[in-house]
């Protein structure tokens, strides 16, 4: 009878150890899944930040181009005025 009890207790301990190992493995898997999720979320956030930076750079470059075009337009207008004045002056001198 005592031997039987010892066998049962030994089997019960083995079962407890197996269950504990399984629980530990499952907890470890869940922690790893959580880390994977967190890393994916962080990666998405980084990608969004990169896209925003790219858009901001694009906007600033477009603004610079617009300013250059505006400056070129103004210079052209000024040169046209100077050209007209120059022609008018030449015509007056030749008369």
N, C-alpha and C. Protein backbone atom coordinates (compact mmCIF):
# COMPACT_ATOMS: atom_id res chain seq x y z
N UNK A 1 0.81 -1.18 0.00
CA UNK A 1 0.00 0.00 0.00
C UNK A 1 0.87 1.27 0.00
N UNK A 2 1.87 1.27 0.85
CA UNK A 2 2.77 2.43 0.90
C UNK A 2 3.49 2.61 -0.41
N UNK A 3 3.90 1.51 -1.00
CA UNK A 3 4.59 1.60 -2.29
C UNK A 3 3.67 2.20 -3.34
N UNK A 4 2.43 1.80 -3.29
CA UNK A 4 1.45 2.33 -4.24
C UNK A 4 1.30 3.85 -4.03
N UNK A 5 1.23 4.28 -2.78
CA UNK A 5 1.11 5.72 -2.49
C UNK A 5 2.34 6.47 -3.01
N UNK A 6 3.51 5.89 -2.81
CA UNK A 6 4.73 6.53 -3.29
C UNK A 6 4.71 6.65 -4.81
N UNK A 7 4.23 5.61 -5.48
CA UNK A 7 4.13 5.66 -6.94
C UNK A 7 3.16 6.76 -7.35
N UNK A 8 2.02 6.83 -6.69
CA UNK A 8 1.04 7.87 -7.03
C UNK A 8 1.60 9.26 -6.80
N UNK A 9 2.29 9.42 -5.67
CA UNK A 9 2.89 10.72 -5.38
C UNK A 9 3.96 11.07 -6.42
N UNK A 10 4.76 10.10 -6.78
CA UNK A 10 5.80 10.34 -7.78
C UNK A 10 5.17 10.72 -9.11
N UNK A 11 4.12 10.02 -9.50
CA UNK A 11 3.42 10.34 -10.75
C UNK A 11 2.78 11.72 -10.67
N UNK A 12 2.21 12.03 -9.52
CA UNK A 12 1.58 13.35 -9.34
C UNK A 12 2.64 14.45 -9.47
N UNK A 13 3.83 14.25 -8.88
CA UNK A 13 4.91 15.24 -9.01
C UNK A 13 5.33 15.40 -10.46
N UNK A 14 5.46 14.27 -11.17
CA UNK A 14 5.84 14.33 -12.58
C UNK A 14 4.79 15.10 -13.36
N UNK A 15 3.52 14.82 -13.09
CA UNK A 15 2.44 15.53 -13.78
C UNK A 15 2.50 17.04 -13.49
N UNK A 16 2.75 17.37 -12.23
CA UNK A 16 2.86 18.78 -11.86
C UNK A 16 4.04 19.45 -12.57
N UNK A 17 5.14 18.74 -12.65
CA UNK A 17 6.31 19.28 -13.33
C UNK A 17 6.02 19.49 -14.81
N UNK A 18 5.36 18.50 -15.43
CA UNK A 18 5.00 18.65 -16.86
C UNK A 18 4.07 19.85 -17.06
N UNK A 19 3.07 19.95 -16.21
CA UNK A 19 2.13 21.07 -16.32
C UNK A 19 2.85 22.41 -16.14
N UNK A 20 3.76 22.46 -15.17
CA UNK A 20 4.50 23.69 -14.92
C UNK A 20 5.35 24.04 -16.14
N UNK A 21 6.01 23.04 -16.73
CA UNK A 21 6.83 23.28 -17.92
C UNK A 21 5.97 23.78 -19.07
N UNK A 22 4.80 23.15 -19.25
CA UNK A 22 3.89 23.59 -20.33
C UNK A 22 3.43 25.02 -20.10
N UNK A 23 3.07 25.34 -18.85
CA UNK A 23 2.65 26.71 -18.54
C UNK A 23 3.78 27.70 -18.82
N UNK A 24 4.99 27.33 -18.39
CA UNK A 24 6.14 28.20 -18.63
C UNK A 24 6.37 28.41 -20.12
N UNK A 25 6.27 27.33 -20.89
CA UNK A 25 6.44 27.45 -22.35
C UNK A 25 5.38 28.36 -22.95
N UNK A 26 4.14 28.16 -22.52
CA UNK A 26 3.05 28.98 -23.05
C UNK A 26 3.24 30.45 -22.68
N UNK A 27 3.63 30.71 -21.46
CA UNK A 27 3.88 32.09 -21.04
C UNK A 27 5.01 32.70 -21.86
N UNK A 28 6.03 31.91 -22.09
CA UNK A 28 7.16 32.40 -22.89
C UNK A 28 6.70 32.73 -24.31
N UNK A 29 5.89 31.85 -24.91
CA UNK A 29 5.35 32.12 -26.25
C UNK A 29 4.54 33.40 -26.27
N UNK A 30 3.70 33.57 -25.25
CA UNK A 30 2.87 34.77 -25.21
C UNK A 30 3.72 36.04 -25.06
N UNK A 31 4.76 35.96 -24.24
CA UNK A 31 5.65 37.12 -24.10
C UNK A 31 6.32 37.44 -25.43
N UNK A 32 6.77 36.38 -26.13
CA UNK A 32 7.42 36.59 -27.42
C UNK A 32 6.44 37.18 -28.43
N UNK A 33 5.20 36.69 -28.41
CA UNK A 33 4.18 37.26 -29.31
C UNK A 33 3.96 38.72 -28.99
N UNK A 34 3.91 39.03 -27.69
CA UNK A 34 3.73 40.43 -27.28
C UNK A 34 4.87 41.29 -27.77
N UNK A 35 6.08 40.78 -27.65
CA UNK A 35 7.25 41.54 -28.13
C UNK A 35 7.17 41.72 -29.64
N UNK A 36 6.77 40.67 -30.34
CA UNK A 36 6.65 40.76 -31.79
C UNK A 36 5.63 41.82 -32.16
N UNK A 37 4.51 41.83 -31.47
CA UNK A 37 3.48 42.84 -31.76
C UNK A 37 4.02 44.24 -31.50
N UNK A 38 4.69 44.40 -30.37
CA UNK A 38 5.24 45.71 -30.04
C UNK A 38 6.26 46.16 -31.08
N UNK A 39 7.10 45.23 -31.52
CA UNK A 39 8.11 45.61 -32.51
C UNK A 39 7.45 45.96 -33.84
N UNK A 40 6.37 45.24 -34.19
CA UNK A 40 5.67 45.59 -35.43
C UNK A 40 5.03 46.96 -35.32
N UNK A 41 4.45 47.26 -34.17
CA UNK A 41 3.82 48.57 -33.97
C UNK A 41 4.88 49.67 -34.06
N UNK A 42 6.02 49.44 -33.40
CA UNK A 42 7.10 50.44 -33.45
C UNK A 42 7.60 50.63 -34.88
N UNK A 43 7.72 49.54 -35.62
CA UNK A 43 8.18 49.64 -37.01
C UNK A 43 7.19 50.44 -37.85
N UNK A 44 5.89 50.21 -37.64
CA UNK A 44 4.88 50.99 -38.36
C UNK A 44 4.98 52.46 -38.02
N UNK A 45 5.20 52.76 -36.73
CA UNK A 45 5.34 54.16 -36.32
C UNK A 45 6.55 54.79 -36.99
N UNK A 46 7.66 54.05 -37.03
CA UNK A 46 8.86 54.58 -37.69
C UNK A 46 8.60 54.85 -39.16
N UNK A 47 7.91 53.93 -39.83
CA UNK A 47 7.61 54.12 -41.25
C UNK A 47 6.75 55.36 -41.44
N UNK A 48 5.76 55.55 -40.57
CA UNK A 48 4.89 56.73 -40.68
C UNK A 48 5.70 58.01 -40.50
N UNK A 49 6.64 57.99 -39.54
CA UNK A 49 7.48 59.17 -39.33
C UNK A 49 8.35 59.45 -40.54
N UNK A 50 8.91 58.38 -41.14
CA UNK A 50 9.73 58.56 -42.34
C UNK A 50 8.92 59.16 -43.47
N UNK A 51 7.68 58.68 -43.64
CA UNK A 51 6.81 59.22 -44.70
C UNK A 51 6.52 60.69 -44.45
N UNK A 52 6.25 61.05 -43.19
CA UNK A 52 5.97 62.45 -42.87
C UNK A 52 7.19 63.32 -43.16
N UNK A 53 8.38 62.81 -42.81
CA UNK A 53 9.60 63.57 -43.09
C UNK A 53 9.79 63.75 -44.59
N UNK A 54 9.53 62.69 -45.35
CA UNK A 54 9.67 62.76 -46.80
C UNK A 54 8.70 63.79 -47.38
N UNK A 55 7.45 63.78 -46.87
CA UNK A 55 6.46 64.75 -47.35
C UNK A 55 6.90 66.17 -47.00
N UNK A 56 7.42 66.35 -45.80
CA UNK A 56 7.85 67.68 -45.38
C UNK A 56 9.00 68.16 -46.26
N UNK A 57 9.94 67.27 -46.55
CA UNK A 57 11.06 67.65 -47.42
C UNK A 57 10.55 68.01 -48.81
N UNK A 58 9.61 67.22 -49.30
CA UNK A 58 9.04 67.49 -50.62
C UNK A 58 8.36 68.84 -50.66
N UNK A 59 7.63 69.18 -49.60
CA UNK A 59 6.96 70.47 -49.55
C UNK A 59 7.96 71.61 -49.52
N UNK A 60 9.01 71.46 -48.73
CA UNK A 60 9.99 72.54 -48.65
C UNK A 60 10.71 72.70 -49.98
N UNK A 61 10.99 71.60 -50.67
CA UNK A 61 11.63 71.69 -51.98
C UNK A 61 10.71 72.36 -52.99
N UNK A 62 9.43 72.00 -52.94
CA UNK A 62 8.46 72.62 -53.85
C UNK A 62 8.34 74.12 -53.56
N UNK A 63 8.36 74.47 -52.28
CA UNK A 63 8.30 75.89 -51.93
C UNK A 63 9.51 76.63 -52.47
N UNK A 64 10.68 76.02 -52.36
CA UNK A 64 11.89 76.65 -52.89
C UNK A 64 11.79 76.83 -54.40
N UNK A 65 11.26 75.82 -55.09
CA UNK A 65 11.10 75.92 -56.54
C UNK A 65 10.14 77.04 -56.89
N UNK A 66 9.05 77.12 -56.13
CA UNK A 66 8.08 78.20 -56.39
C UNK A 66 8.73 79.56 -56.19
N UNK A 67 9.51 79.68 -55.12
CA UNK A 67 10.18 80.96 -54.87
C UNK A 67 11.13 81.29 -56.02
N UNK A 68 11.85 80.28 -56.49
CA UNK A 68 12.78 80.52 -57.60
C UNK A 68 12.02 80.93 -58.84
N UNK A 69 10.89 80.28 -59.10
CA UNK A 69 10.09 80.62 -60.28
C UNK A 69 9.54 82.03 -60.15
N UNK A 70 9.04 82.35 -58.93
CA UNK A 70 8.54 83.70 -58.70
C UNK A 70 9.65 84.72 -58.91
N UNK A 71 10.84 84.41 -58.40
CA UNK A 71 11.98 85.32 -58.59
C UNK A 71 12.33 85.47 -60.06
N UNK A 72 12.31 84.37 -60.80
CA UNK A 72 12.61 84.43 -62.23
C UNK A 72 11.57 85.27 -62.96
N UNK A 73 10.31 85.13 -62.59
CA UNK A 73 9.24 85.90 -63.22
C UNK A 73 9.44 87.39 -62.96
N UNK A 74 9.77 87.73 -61.73
CA UNK A 74 10.00 89.13 -61.40
C UNK A 74 11.20 89.69 -62.17
N UNK A 75 12.26 88.91 -62.25
CA UNK A 75 13.45 89.35 -62.98
C UNK A 75 13.11 89.57 -64.45
N UNK A 76 12.33 88.68 -65.02
CA UNK A 76 11.94 88.81 -66.43
C UNK A 76 11.13 90.08 -66.62
N UNK A 77 10.21 90.36 -65.73
CA UNK A 77 9.41 91.59 -65.83
C UNK A 77 10.31 92.82 -65.75
N UNK A 78 11.25 92.79 -64.82
CA UNK A 78 12.15 93.93 -64.68
C UNK A 78 12.99 94.12 -65.93
N UNK A 79 13.47 93.01 -66.48
CA UNK A 79 14.28 93.12 -67.70
C UNK A 79 13.45 93.64 -68.87
N UNK A 80 12.19 93.22 -68.93
CA UNK A 80 11.32 93.72 -69.99
C UNK A 80 11.14 95.23 -69.85
N UNK A 81 10.94 95.68 -68.60
CA UNK A 81 10.80 97.12 -68.37
C UNK A 81 12.08 97.85 -68.76
N UNK A 82 13.20 97.28 -68.37
CA UNK A 82 14.48 97.91 -68.73
C UNK A 82 14.65 97.94 -70.24
N UNK A 83 14.24 96.87 -70.89
CA UNK A 83 14.35 96.79 -72.35
C UNK A 83 13.49 97.87 -72.99
N UNK A 84 12.27 98.04 -72.49
CA UNK A 84 11.39 99.08 -73.04
C UNK A 84 11.99 100.47 -72.82
N UNK A 85 12.49 100.68 -71.60
CA UNK A 85 13.11 101.98 -71.30
C UNK A 85 14.33 102.21 -72.21
N UNK A 86 15.11 101.17 -72.38
CA UNK A 86 16.30 101.29 -73.22
C UNK A 86 15.90 101.64 -74.65
N UNK A 87 14.90 100.94 -75.17
CA UNK A 87 14.44 101.22 -76.53
C UNK A 87 13.91 102.64 -76.64
N UNK A 88 13.14 103.05 -75.63
CA UNK A 88 12.58 104.41 -75.65
C UNK A 88 13.69 105.44 -75.62
N UNK A 89 14.71 105.20 -74.84
CA UNK A 89 15.83 106.13 -74.74
C UNK A 89 16.57 106.20 -76.07
N UNK A 90 16.81 105.09 -76.70
CA UNK A 90 17.50 105.05 -77.99
C UNK A 90 16.68 105.79 -79.05
N UNK A 91 15.39 105.55 -79.06
CA UNK A 91 14.53 106.21 -80.03
C UNK A 91 14.58 107.73 -79.82
N UNK A 92 14.53 108.18 -78.57
CA UNK A 92 14.59 109.62 -78.28
C UNK A 92 15.93 110.20 -78.72
N UNK A 93 16.99 109.43 -78.49
CA UNK A 93 18.32 109.92 -78.89
C UNK A 93 18.46 110.02 -80.40
N UNK A 94 17.89 109.10 -81.09
CA UNK A 94 18.02 109.09 -82.54
C UNK A 94 17.12 110.13 -83.22
N UNK A 95 16.15 110.61 -82.54
CA UNK A 95 15.26 111.60 -83.16
C UNK A 95 15.91 112.90 -83.26
